[in-house]
């Protein structure tokens, strides 16, 4: 049991944290690697559905929920429909985000300081890093803000918030491997790129320690369904009835279920 293959996506230092790199370039730099259970455990699982659940996983049967957030995929999709009502479905939103440029609506460090900002310790904060999500849109007409750029900014805002929670949880529990999964990431290359860049930035802030690794499951949209199925059909090798069969009597079934022959 357990995850055997993951996808680790890395970002080059030249575009790290930038609102300008294309998802196509990020895809080219994705690293596919198989991992055994010995290499994988322990790790932090960040499941991004409507909300976010953060689970510390010590082994196939040893895990506990350690954190979470109400800002997740449901937040993104709700705001997306409010701001871009013409967007038909979640998959379309993911494709639309790839065509956008979040810097059209996000306020960047460079917009404030005219370029990179030198910190008191001598390091530089790149001008391409987002200083405030959607702040630039406050002084622009709605017609000046493309739907694609709004959707991309939304994806990056939600992803950045999730990364902050993941980083703090990983630091608290002394974990370096962070596995991101959930339907929010399905066909959402912009989210994966944003998460990878955020985790790389965190790692660069701690050069003396092992870097944080953002890992993505190859078929992330199906693990919840598969886990529920396996939980309901077997328990320590003993088969048990699926949930839809667990009824007191046939009379307890709804009318449409009886008509279907259950």
C-alpha atoms as a PDB file:
ATOM      1  CA  UNK A   1       0.000   0.000   0.000  1.00  0.00           C
ATOM      2  CA  UNK A   2       0.872   3.635  -0.120  1.00  0.00           C
ATOM      3  CA  UNK A   3       2.014   5.983  -2.863  1.00  0.00           C
ATOM      4  CA  UNK A   4       4.732   4.620  -5.129  1.00  0.00           C
ATOM      5  CA  UNK A   5       5.061   7.295  -7.781  1.00  0.00           C
ATOM      6  CA  UNK A   6       5.044  11.053  -7.407  1.00  0.00           C
ATOM      7  CA  UNK A   7       5.910  14.041  -9.528  1.00  0.00           C
ATOM      8  CA  UNK A   8       8.296  16.644  -8.112  1.00  0.00           C
ATOM      9  CA  UNK A   9       8.086  19.996  -9.882  1.00  0.00           C
ATOM     10  CA  UNK A  10      10.995  22.402  -9.529  1.00  0.00           C
ATOM     11  CA  UNK A  11      11.479  25.975 -10.690  1.00  0.00           C
ATOM     12  CA  UNK A  12      14.643  27.684 -11.860  1.00  0.00           C
ATOM     13  CA  UNK A  13      16.061  30.417  -9.661  1.00  0.00           C
ATOM     14  CA  UNK A  14      15.810  32.962 -12.477  1.00  0.00           C
ATOM     15  CA  UNK A  15      12.017  32.820 -12.462  1.00  0.00           C
ATOM     16  CA  UNK A  16      11.381  31.810  -8.894  1.00  0.00           C
ATOM     17  CA  UNK A  17       8.296  33.487  -7.461  1.00  0.00           C
ATOM     18  CA  UNK A  18       7.679  35.314 -10.722  1.00  0.00           C
ATOM     19  CA  UNK A  19       4.253  36.143 -12.121  1.00  0.00           C
ATOM     20  CA  UNK A  20       5.712  35.984 -15.629  1.00  0.00           C
ATOM     21  CA  UNK A  21       6.925  32.418 -16.204  1.00  0.00           C
ATOM     22  CA  UNK A  22       4.686  30.320 -18.441  1.00  0.00           C
ATOM     23  CA  UNK A  23       3.211  27.003 -17.243  1.00  0.00           C
ATOM     24  CA  UNK A  24       4.671  25.386 -20.355  1.00  0.00           C
ATOM     25  CA  UNK A  25       8.227  26.136 -19.183  1.00  0.00           C
ATOM     26  CA  UNK A  26       7.401  24.840 -15.696  1.00  0.00           C
ATOM     27  CA  UNK A  27       6.080  21.586 -17.179  1.00  0.00           C
ATOM     28  CA  UNK A  28       9.360  21.050 -19.031  1.00  0.00           C
ATOM     29  CA  UNK A  29      11.252  21.267 -15.743  1.00  0.00           C
ATOM     30  CA  UNK A  30       9.021  18.771 -13.934  1.00  0.00           C
ATOM     31  CA  UNK A  31      10.898  15.768 -12.534  1.00  0.00           C
ATOM     32  CA  UNK A  32       9.156  12.383 -12.566  1.00  0.00           C
ATOM     33  CA  UNK A  33      10.456   9.918 -10.030  1.00  0.00           C
ATOM     34  CA  UNK A  34       9.270   6.683  -8.492  1.00  0.00           C
ATOM     35  CA  UNK A  35       9.494   6.452  -4.705  1.00  0.00           C
ATOM     36  CA  UNK A  36       9.302   3.408  -2.475  1.00  0.00           C
ATOM     37  CA  UNK A  37       7.583   3.539   0.912  1.00  0.00           C
ATOM     38  CA  UNK A  38      11.040   3.534   2.556  1.00  0.00           C
ATOM     39  CA  UNK A  39      11.907   6.758   0.706  1.00  0.00           C
ATOM     40  CA  UNK A  40       8.521   8.396   1.159  1.00  0.00           C
ATOM     41  CA  UNK A  41       7.652   8.111   4.872  1.00  0.00           C
ATOM     42  CA  UNK A  42       7.297  10.194   6.914  1.00  0.00           C
ATOM     43  CA  UNK A  43       5.738  13.049   4.953  1.00  0.00           C
ATOM     44  CA  UNK A  44       3.146  15.779   5.160  1.00  0.00           C
ATOM     45  CA  UNK A  45       0.027  15.273   3.022  1.00  0.00           C
ATOM     46  CA  UNK A  46      -1.752  18.440   1.933  1.00  0.00           C
ATOM     47  CA  UNK A  47      -5.088  17.497   0.404  1.00  0.00           C
ATOM     48  CA  UNK A  48      -6.692  20.396  -1.474  1.00  0.00           C
ATOM     49  CA  UNK A  49     -10.388  19.881  -2.090  1.00  0.00           C
ATOM     50  CA  UNK A  50     -13.111  22.411  -1.308  1.00  0.00           C
ATOM     51  CA  UNK A  51     -11.040  23.187   1.782  1.00  0.00           C
ATOM     52  CA  UNK A  52      -7.599  21.954   2.830  1.00  0.00           C
ATOM     53  CA  UNK A  53      -6.613  19.118   5.163  1.00  0.00           C
ATOM     54  CA  UNK A  54      -3.027  18.744   6.355  1.00  0.00           C
ATOM     55  CA  UNK A  55      -2.133  15.236   7.510  1.00  0.00           C
ATOM     56  CA  UNK A  56       1.111  13.957   9.031  1.00  0.00           C
ATOM     57  CA  UNK A  57       1.737  10.485   7.574  1.00  0.00           C
ATOM     58  CA  UNK A  58       4.198   8.214   9.386  1.00  0.00           C
ATOM     59  CA  UNK A  59       3.311   5.035   7.487  1.00  0.00           C
ATOM     60  CA  UNK A  60       0.530   3.287   5.546  1.00  0.00           C
ATOM     61  CA  UNK A  61      -1.565   2.877   8.709  1.00  0.00           C
ATOM     62  CA  UNK A  62      -0.177   5.658  10.897  1.00  0.00           C
ATOM     63  CA  UNK A  63      -1.395   9.206  10.229  1.00  0.00           C
ATOM     64  CA  UNK A  64      -3.074  12.156  11.923  1.00  0.00           C
ATOM     65  CA  UNK A  65      -4.646  15.419  10.833  1.00  0.00           C
ATOM     66  CA  UNK A  66      -2.487  18.258  12.134  1.00  0.00           C
ATOM     67  CA  UNK A  67      -3.884  21.346  10.406  1.00  0.00           C
ATOM     68  CA  UNK A  68      -6.154  22.640   7.668  1.00  0.00           C
ATOM     69  CA  UNK A  69      -7.751  25.656   6.063  1.00  0.00           C
ATOM     70  CA  UNK A  70     -11.142  26.779   4.794  1.00  0.00           C
ATOM     71  CA  UNK A  71      -9.417  28.488   1.862  1.00  0.00           C
ATOM     72  CA  UNK A  72      -9.100  25.865  -0.866  1.00  0.00           C
ATOM     73  CA  UNK A  73     -10.471  24.780  -4.220  1.00  0.00           C
ATOM     74  CA  UNK A  74     -14.030  25.725  -3.288  1.00  0.00           C
ATOM     75  CA  UNK A  75     -12.851  29.232  -2.442  1.00  0.00           C
ATOM     76  CA  UNK A  76     -11.120  29.529  -5.808  1.00  0.00           C
ATOM     77  CA  UNK A  77     -14.105  28.281  -7.790  1.00  0.00           C
ATOM     78  CA  UNK A  78     -16.621  30.440  -5.905  1.00  0.00           C
ATOM     79  CA  UNK A  79     -14.595  33.613  -6.449  1.00  0.00           C
ATOM     80  CA  UNK A  80     -13.934  32.580 -10.031  1.00  0.00           C
ATOM     81  CA  UNK A  81     -17.673  32.386 -10.769  1.00  0.00           C
ATOM     82  CA  UNK A  82     -18.279  35.742  -9.060  1.00  0.00           C
ATOM     83  CA  UNK A  83     -15.481  37.557 -10.899  1.00  0.00           C
ATOM     84  CA  UNK A  84     -15.581  35.682 -14.216  1.00  0.00           C
ATOM     85  CA  UNK A  85     -19.142  34.350 -14.613  1.00  0.00           C
ATOM     86  CA  UNK A  86     -18.512  33.309 -18.224  1.00  0.00           C
ATOM     87  CA  UNK A  87     -16.101  30.611 -17.044  1.00  0.00           C
ATOM     88  CA  UNK A  88     -18.020  27.368 -17.573  1.00  0.00           C
ATOM     89  CA  UNK A  89     -16.365  24.792 -15.332  1.00  0.00           C
ATOM     90  CA  UNK A  90     -13.304  24.061 -13.208  1.00  0.00           C
ATOM     91  CA  UNK A  91     -11.277  22.522 -16.055  1.00  0.00           C
ATOM     92  CA  UNK A  92     -11.944  25.561 -18.226  1.00  0.00           C
ATOM     93  CA  UNK A  93     -10.751  27.791 -15.368  1.00  0.00           C
ATOM     94  CA  UNK A  94      -7.482  25.838 -15.207  1.00  0.00           C
ATOM     95  CA  UNK A  95      -6.900  26.268 -18.924  1.00  0.00           C
ATOM     96  CA  UNK A  96      -7.843  29.947 -18.764  1.00  0.00           C
ATOM     97  CA  UNK A  97      -5.355  30.564 -15.950  1.00  0.00           C
ATOM     98  CA  UNK A  98      -2.536  29.355 -18.211  1.00  0.00           C
ATOM     99  CA  UNK A  99      -3.296  32.190 -20.647  1.00  0.00           C
ATOM    100  CA  UNK A 100      -3.256  34.941 -18.033  1.00  0.00           C
ATOM    101  CA  UNK A 101      -0.657  37.225 -16.498  1.00  0.00           C
ATOM    102  CA  UNK A 102      -1.285  37.727 -12.778  1.00  0.00           C
ATOM    103  CA  UNK A 103       0.955  40.810 -12.694  1.00  0.00           C
ATOM    104  CA  UNK A 104      -1.826  42.697 -14.488  1.00  0.00           C
ATOM    105  CA  UNK A 105      -3.879  42.648 -11.271  1.00  0.00           C
ATOM    106  CA  UNK A 106      -1.316  41.801  -8.554  1.00  0.00           C
ATOM    107  CA  UNK A 107       0.907  44.462  -7.023  1.00  0.00           C
ATOM    108  CA  UNK A 108       4.537  43.334  -7.290  1.00  0.00           C
ATOM    109  CA  UNK A 109       7.581  44.313  -5.238  1.00  0.00           C
ATOM    110  CA  UNK A 110       8.928  45.972  -8.384  1.00  0.00           C
ATOM    111  CA  UNK A 111       5.809  48.126  -8.664  1.00  0.00           C
ATOM    112  CA  UNK A 112       6.584  49.567  -5.216  1.00  0.00           C
ATOM    113  CA  UNK A 113      10.380  49.904  -5.314  1.00  0.00           C
ATOM    114  CA  UNK A 114      11.035  50.074  -9.039  1.00  0.00           C
ATOM    115  CA  UNK A 115      12.931  46.774  -8.997  1.00  0.00           C
ATOM    116  CA  UNK A 116      14.441  44.362  -6.493  1.00  0.00           C
ATOM    117  CA  UNK A 117      14.325  45.365  -2.832  1.00  0.00           C
ATOM    118  CA  UNK A 118      17.480  44.931  -0.772  1.00  0.00           C
ATOM    119  CA  UNK A 119      16.786  43.653   2.728  1.00  0.00           C
ATOM    120  CA  UNK A 120      18.813  44.824   5.771  1.00  0.00           C
ATOM    121  CA  UNK A 121      20.733  41.505   5.823  1.00  0.00           C
ATOM    122  CA  UNK A 122      21.969  42.113   2.273  1.00  0.00           C
ATOM    123  CA  UNK A 123      19.727  39.683   0.444  1.00  0.00           C
ATOM    124  CA  UNK A 124      17.383  40.888  -2.260  1.00  0.00           C
ATOM    125  CA  UNK A 125      13.651  40.487  -2.584  1.00  0.00           C
ATOM    126  CA  UNK A 126      13.048  40.011  -6.341  1.00  0.00           C
ATOM    127  CA  UNK A 127      10.901  42.658  -7.941  1.00  0.00           C
ATOM    128  CA  UNK A 128       8.821  39.929  -9.599  1.00  0.00           C
ATOM    129  CA  UNK A 129       7.459  38.630  -6.271  1.00  0.00           C
ATOM    130  CA  UNK A 130       3.850  39.486  -5.422  1.00  0.00           C
ATOM    131  CA  UNK A 131       3.540  42.107  -2.690  1.00  0.00           C
ATOM    132  CA  UNK A 132      -0.263  42.165  -2.617  1.00  0.00           C
ATOM    133  CA  UNK A 133      -2.760  40.024  -4.510  1.00  0.00           C
ATOM    134  CA  UNK A 134      -5.271  42.031  -6.589  1.00  0.00           C
ATOM    135  CA  UNK A 135      -4.060  45.387  -5.200  1.00  0.00           C
ATOM    136  CA  UNK A 136      -3.275  46.721  -8.683  1.00  0.00           C
ATOM    137  CA  UNK A 137      -6.849  45.961  -9.777  1.00  0.00           C
ATOM    138  CA  UNK A 138      -8.131  48.566  -7.294  1.00  0.00           C
ATOM    139  CA  UNK A 139      -6.982  51.367  -9.602  1.00  0.00           C
ATOM    140  CA  UNK A 140      -8.086  49.748 -12.864  1.00  0.00           C
ATOM    141  CA  UNK A 141     -11.405  49.443 -14.672  1.00  0.00           C
ATOM    142  CA  UNK A 142     -12.883  45.937 -14.867  1.00  0.00           C
ATOM    143  CA  UNK A 143     -12.580  46.056 -18.662  1.00  0.00           C
ATOM    144  CA  UNK A 144      -8.819  46.489 -18.291  1.00  0.00           C
ATOM    145  CA  UNK A 145      -8.483  43.231 -16.336  1.00  0.00           C
ATOM    146  CA  UNK A 146      -8.576  40.143 -18.517  1.00  0.00           C
ATOM    147  CA  UNK A 147     -10.503  37.151 -17.184  1.00  0.00           C
ATOM    148  CA  UNK A 148      -7.453  34.948 -17.749  1.00  0.00           C
ATOM    149  CA  UNK A 149      -5.284  37.177 -15.552  1.00  0.00           C
ATOM    150  CA  UNK A 150      -7.922  37.349 -12.818  1.00  0.00           C
ATOM    151  CA  UNK A 151      -8.227  33.560 -12.750  1.00  0.00           C
ATOM    152  CA  UNK A 152      -4.443  33.104 -12.697  1.00  0.00           C
ATOM    153  CA  UNK A 153      -4.148  35.559  -9.799  1.00  0.00           C
ATOM    154  CA  UNK A 154      -6.877  33.661  -7.936  1.00  0.00           C
ATOM    155  CA  UNK A 155      -5.047  30.352  -8.404  1.00  0.00           C
ATOM    156  CA  UNK A 156      -1.788  31.842  -7.176  1.00  0.00           C
ATOM    157  CA  UNK A 157      -3.423  33.534  -4.190  1.00  0.00           C
ATOM    158  CA  UNK A 158      -5.046  30.318  -2.968  1.00  0.00           C
ATOM    159  CA  UNK A 159      -1.880  28.304  -3.670  1.00  0.00           C
ATOM    160  CA  UNK A 160       0.311  30.779  -1.781  1.00  0.00           C
ATOM    161  CA  UNK A 161      -1.922  30.623   1.288  1.00  0.00           C
ATOM    162  CA  UNK A 162      -1.881  26.822   1.226  1.00  0.00           C
ATOM    163  CA  UNK A 163       1.906  26.798   0.942  1.00  0.00           C
ATOM    164  CA  UNK A 164       2.264  28.993   4.014  1.00  0.00           C
ATOM    165  CA  UNK A 165       0.160  26.578   6.062  1.00  0.00           C
ATOM    166  CA  UNK A 166       2.050  23.587   4.644  1.00  0.00           C
ATOM    167  CA  UNK A 167       5.425  25.155   5.408  1.00  0.00           C
ATOM    168  CA  UNK A 168       4.526  26.024   9.007  1.00  0.00           C
ATOM    169  CA  UNK A 169       3.083  22.538   9.587  1.00  0.00           C
ATOM    170  CA  UNK A 170       6.144  20.846   8.082  1.00  0.00           C
ATOM    171  CA  UNK A 171       8.467  22.983  10.183  1.00  0.00           C
ATOM    172  CA  UNK A 172       6.470  22.272  13.341  1.00  0.00           C
ATOM    173  CA  UNK A 173       6.613  18.502  12.763  1.00  0.00           C
ATOM    174  CA  UNK A 174      10.165  18.476  11.346  1.00  0.00           C
ATOM    175  CA  UNK A 175       9.173  17.108   7.922  1.00  0.00           C
ATOM    176  CA  UNK A 176      10.815  17.968   4.604  1.00  0.00           C
ATOM    177  CA  UNK A 177       8.695  15.983   2.138  1.00  0.00           C
ATOM    178  CA  UNK A 178       5.322  17.579   1.411  1.00  0.00           C
ATOM    179  CA  UNK A 179       2.890  15.775  -0.879  1.00  0.00           C
ATOM    180  CA  UNK A 180       0.206  17.983  -2.436  1.00  0.00           C
ATOM    181  CA  UNK A 181      -2.899  16.300  -3.776  1.00  0.00           C
ATOM    182  CA  UNK A 182      -6.615  16.894  -4.374  1.00  0.00           C
ATOM    183  CA  UNK A 183      -8.932  17.912  -7.199  1.00  0.00           C
ATOM    184  CA  UNK A 184      -7.753  21.532  -7.055  1.00  0.00           C
ATOM    185  CA  UNK A 185      -4.520  20.348  -8.690  1.00  0.00           C
ATOM    186  CA  UNK A 186      -6.177  18.289 -11.426  1.00  0.00           C
ATOM    187  CA  UNK A 187      -5.353  19.895 -14.782  1.00  0.00           C
ATOM    188  CA  UNK A 188      -4.120  22.950 -12.901  1.00  0.00           C
ATOM    189  CA  UNK A 189      -0.522  23.514 -13.943  1.00  0.00           C
ATOM    190  CA  UNK A 190      -0.537  27.104 -12.649  1.00  0.00           C
ATOM    191  CA  UNK A 191      -1.261  25.875  -9.106  1.00  0.00           C
ATOM    192  CA  UNK A 192       1.516  23.272  -9.239  1.00  0.00           C
ATOM    193  CA  UNK A 193       3.951  25.869 -10.546  1.00  0.00           C
ATOM    194  CA  UNK A 194       2.993  28.357  -7.811  1.00  0.00           C
ATOM    195  CA  UNK A 195       3.325  25.729  -5.075  1.00  0.00           C
ATOM    196  CA  UNK A 196       6.725  24.590  -6.355  1.00  0.00           C
ATOM    197  CA  UNK A 197       8.046  28.156  -6.510  1.00  0.00           C
ATOM    198  CA  UNK A 198       6.793  28.968  -3.019  1.00  0.00           C
ATOM    199  CA  UNK A 199       8.439  25.873  -1.528  1.00  0.00           C
ATOM    200  CA  UNK A 200      11.706  26.671  -3.326  1.00  0.00           C
ATOM    201  CA  UNK A 201      11.647  30.200  -1.944  1.00  0.00           C
ATOM    202  CA  UNK A 202      11.180  28.840   1.573  1.00  0.00           C
ATOM    203  CA  UNK A 203      14.096  26.441   1.070  1.00  0.00           C
ATOM    204  CA  UNK A 204      16.366  29.275  -0.072  1.00  0.00           C
ATOM    205  CA  UNK A 205      15.515  31.145   3.111  1.00  0.00           C
ATOM    206  CA  UNK A 206      16.978  28.199   5.083  1.00  0.00           C
ATOM    207  CA  UNK A 207      20.184  27.344   3.157  1.00  0.00           C
ATOM    208  CA  UNK A 208      21.754  25.437   6.056  1.00  0.00           C
ATOM    209  CA  UNK A 209      18.980  22.845   6.267  1.00  0.00           C
ATOM    210  CA  UNK A 210      17.610  20.154   3.949  1.00  0.00           C
ATOM    211  CA  UNK A 211      15.366  21.800   1.311  1.00  0.00           C
ATOM    212  CA  UNK A 212      11.609  21.376   1.408  1.00  0.00           C
ATOM    213  CA  UNK A 213      10.343  19.187  -1.405  1.00  0.00           C
ATOM    214  CA  UNK A 214       6.952  19.783  -3.039  1.00  0.00           C
ATOM    215  CA  UNK A 215       5.717  16.485  -4.483  1.00  0.00           C
ATOM    216  CA  UNK A 216       2.641  15.846  -6.601  1.00  0.00           C
ATOM    217  CA  UNK A 217       0.893  12.530  -7.106  1.00  0.00           C
ATOM    218  CA  UNK A 218       0.663  11.506 -10.740  1.00  0.00           C
ATOM    219  CA  UNK A 219      -3.102  10.808 -10.586  1.00  0.00           C
ATOM    220  CA  UNK A 220      -4.025  13.237  -7.826  1.00  0.00           C
ATOM    221  CA  UNK A 221      -7.704  13.555  -8.749  1.00  0.00           C
ATOM    222  CA  UNK A 222      -8.540   9.921  -7.909  1.00  0.00           C
ATOM    223  CA  UNK A 223      -6.895   9.132  -4.581  1.00  0.00           C
ATOM    224  CA  UNK A 224      -9.823  10.205  -2.424  1.00  0.00           C
ATOM    225  CA  UNK A 225     -12.224   7.989  -4.369  1.00  0.00           C
ATOM    226  CA  UNK A 226      -9.822   5.044  -4.329  1.00  0.00           C
ATOM    227  CA  UNK A 227      -9.180   5.429  -0.610  1.00  0.00           C
ATOM    228  CA  UNK A 228     -12.897   5.498   0.140  1.00  0.00           C
ATOM    229  CA  UNK A 229     -13.458   2.437  -2.034  1.00  0.00           C
ATOM    230  CA  UNK A 230     -10.673   0.434  -0.404  1.00  0.00           C
ATOM    231  CA  UNK A 231     -11.813   1.449   3.071  1.00  0.00           C
ATOM    232  CA  UNK A 232     -15.308   0.198   2.343  1.00  0.00           C
ATOM    233  CA  UNK A 233     -14.437  -3.131   0.725  1.00  0.00           C
ATOM    234  CA  UNK A 234     -11.634  -4.399   2.923  1.00  0.00           C
ATOM    235  CA  UNK A 235     -10.373  -4.151   6.480  1.00  0.00           C
ATOM    236  CA  UNK A 236      -7.118  -5.936   7.385  1.00  0.00           C
ATOM    237  CA  UNK A 237      -7.658  -8.296   4.496  1.00  0.00           C
ATOM    238  CA  UNK A 238     -11.302  -9.057   5.397  1.00  0.00           C
ATOM    239  CA  UNK A 239     -13.805  -8.012   2.729  1.00  0.00           C
ATOM    240  CA  UNK A 240     -16.831  -6.027   3.802  1.00  0.00           C
ATOM    241  CA  UNK A 241     -19.840  -4.647   1.985  1.00  0.00           C
ATOM    242  CA  UNK A 242     -19.568  -1.304   0.174  1.00  0.00           C
ATOM    243  CA  UNK A 243     -21.372   1.625   1.796  1.00  0.00           C
ATOM    244  CA  UNK A 244     -24.209   1.675  -0.728  1.00  0.00           C
ATOM    245  CA  UNK A 245     -25.193  -1.836   0.358  1.00  0.00           C
ATOM    246  CA  UNK A 246     -25.291  -1.037   4.076  1.00  0.00           C
ATOM    247  CA  UNK A 247     -29.037  -0.610   4.673  1.00  0.00           C
ATOM    248  CA  UNK A 248     -31.275  -2.032   7.342  1.00  0.00           C
ATOM    249  CA  UNK A 249     -33.801  -3.284   4.789  1.00  0.00           C
ATOM    250  CA  UNK A 250     -34.833  -2.763   1.202  1.00  0.00           C
ATOM    251  CA  UNK A 251     -37.718  -0.626   2.441  1.00  0.00           C
ATOM    252  CA  UNK A 252     -35.148   1.920   3.702  1.00  0.00           C
ATOM    253  CA  UNK A 253     -33.932   2.563   0.150  1.00  0.00           C
ATOM    254  CA  UNK A 254     -35.187   5.593  -1.775  1.00  0.00           C
ATOM    255  CA  UNK A 255     -37.714   4.892  -4.550  1.00  0.00           C
ATOM    256  CA  UNK A 256     -35.247   5.502  -7.393  1.00  0.00           C
ATOM    257  CA  UNK A 257     -32.808   2.981  -5.888  1.00  0.00           C
ATOM    258  CA  UNK A 258     -35.510   0.317  -5.694  1.00  0.00           C
ATOM    259  CA  UNK A 259     -36.396   0.967  -9.332  1.00  0.00           C
ATOM    260  CA  UNK A 260     -32.746   0.447 -10.263  1.00  0.00           C
ATOM    261  CA  UNK A 261     -32.868  -3.045  -8.755  1.00  0.00           C
ATOM    262  CA  UNK A 262     -30.983  -2.559  -5.474  1.00  0.00           C
END
